[in-house]
């Protein structure tokens, strides 16, 4: 059975958005991410919103799934230790 209207799209994340996604995946909260990256918490919140929007995601759980799939394809490396 074929899938109709399959809309696989490529999403380009900025290095900062990718790093924020990595921290979220590891269980860090926005405040901790801001401290670790030396950025304002509002900047991190903006990056999280952009990440959700670009990837059409709505929860941190969705980020987990996205990064797991990227890891399976060899497109994601664990660079940050878990919280």
Protein backbone atom coordinates (compact mmCIF):
# COMPACT_ATOMS: atom_id res chain seq x y z
CA UNK A 1 0.00 0.00 0.00
CA UNK A 2 1.48 3.35 -1.02
CA UNK A 3 1.44 6.38 1.18
CA UNK A 4 -0.38 9.25 -0.41
CA UNK A 5 0.79 12.81 0.00
CA UNK A 6 3.98 11.84 1.78
CA UNK A 7 5.71 15.08 2.68
CA UNK A 8 9.23 14.28 3.71
CA UNK A 9 11.04 17.57 4.01
CA UNK A 10 14.56 18.50 4.85
CA UNK A 11 14.97 20.88 7.73
CA UNK A 12 18.06 22.99 8.26
CA UNK A 13 18.83 23.81 11.86
CA UNK A 14 21.35 26.42 12.88
CA UNK A 15 24.30 25.11 14.92
CA UNK A 16 22.78 26.81 17.96
CA UNK A 17 19.37 25.18 17.42
CA UNK A 18 21.05 21.81 16.97
CA UNK A 19 22.99 22.30 20.22
CA UNK A 20 19.81 23.32 22.06
CA UNK A 21 18.03 20.23 20.68
CA UNK A 22 20.92 18.11 21.93
CA UNK A 23 20.64 19.58 25.42
CA UNK A 24 16.86 19.10 25.45
CA UNK A 25 17.35 15.51 24.33
CA UNK A 26 19.70 15.00 27.28
CA UNK A 27 17.10 16.31 29.73
CA UNK A 28 18.36 19.83 30.38
CA UNK A 29 15.86 22.64 31.03
CA UNK A 30 16.03 26.03 29.30
CA UNK A 31 17.61 27.76 32.30
CA UNK A 32 20.42 25.19 32.54
CA UNK A 33 20.95 25.28 28.77
CA UNK A 34 21.26 29.08 28.91
CA UNK A 35 23.87 28.86 31.66
CA UNK A 36 25.85 26.14 29.88
CA UNK A 37 25.82 28.00 26.56
CA UNK A 38 26.45 31.40 28.15
CA UNK A 39 23.25 32.82 26.69
CA UNK A 40 20.15 34.54 28.00
CA UNK A 41 17.27 32.21 28.90
CA UNK A 42 15.00 34.17 26.52
CA UNK A 43 17.42 33.42 23.67
CA UNK A 44 17.17 29.71 24.46
CA UNK A 45 13.38 29.91 24.56
CA UNK A 46 13.44 31.55 21.13
CA UNK A 47 15.69 28.80 19.79
CA UNK A 48 13.36 26.15 21.22
CA UNK A 49 10.33 27.78 19.56
CA UNK A 50 12.17 27.97 16.22
CA UNK A 51 13.22 24.36 16.58
CA UNK A 52 9.63 23.28 17.21
CA UNK A 53 8.40 25.39 14.30
CA UNK A 54 11.04 24.33 11.77
CA UNK A 55 10.63 20.64 12.58
CA UNK A 56 6.86 20.82 13.05
CA UNK A 57 7.19 19.51 16.61
CA UNK A 58 5.15 20.26 19.70
CA UNK A 59 6.92 18.59 22.64
CA UNK A 60 10.36 17.65 23.93
CA UNK A 61 9.31 14.03 23.39
CA UNK A 62 9.13 14.78 19.65
CA UNK A 63 12.70 16.09 19.81
CA UNK A 64 13.74 12.79 21.40
CA UNK A 65 12.17 10.86 18.53
CA UNK A 66 13.72 13.16 15.92
CA UNK A 67 17.23 12.84 17.35
CA UNK A 68 16.90 9.07 17.79
CA UNK A 69 15.97 8.75 14.12
CA UNK A 70 18.85 10.99 13.08
CA UNK A 71 21.21 8.92 15.23
CA UNK A 72 19.99 5.71 13.57
CA UNK A 73 20.83 7.26 10.19
CA UNK A 74 24.26 8.36 11.39
CA UNK A 75 23.31 12.03 11.24
CA UNK A 76 23.46 12.74 14.96
CA UNK A 77 26.28 12.24 17.47
CA UNK A 78 26.03 12.43 21.23
CA UNK A 79 28.24 15.38 22.07
CA UNK A 80 26.84 16.38 25.44
CA UNK A 81 26.71 14.12 28.51
CA UNK A 82 23.27 13.35 29.94
CA UNK A 83 22.03 15.58 32.74
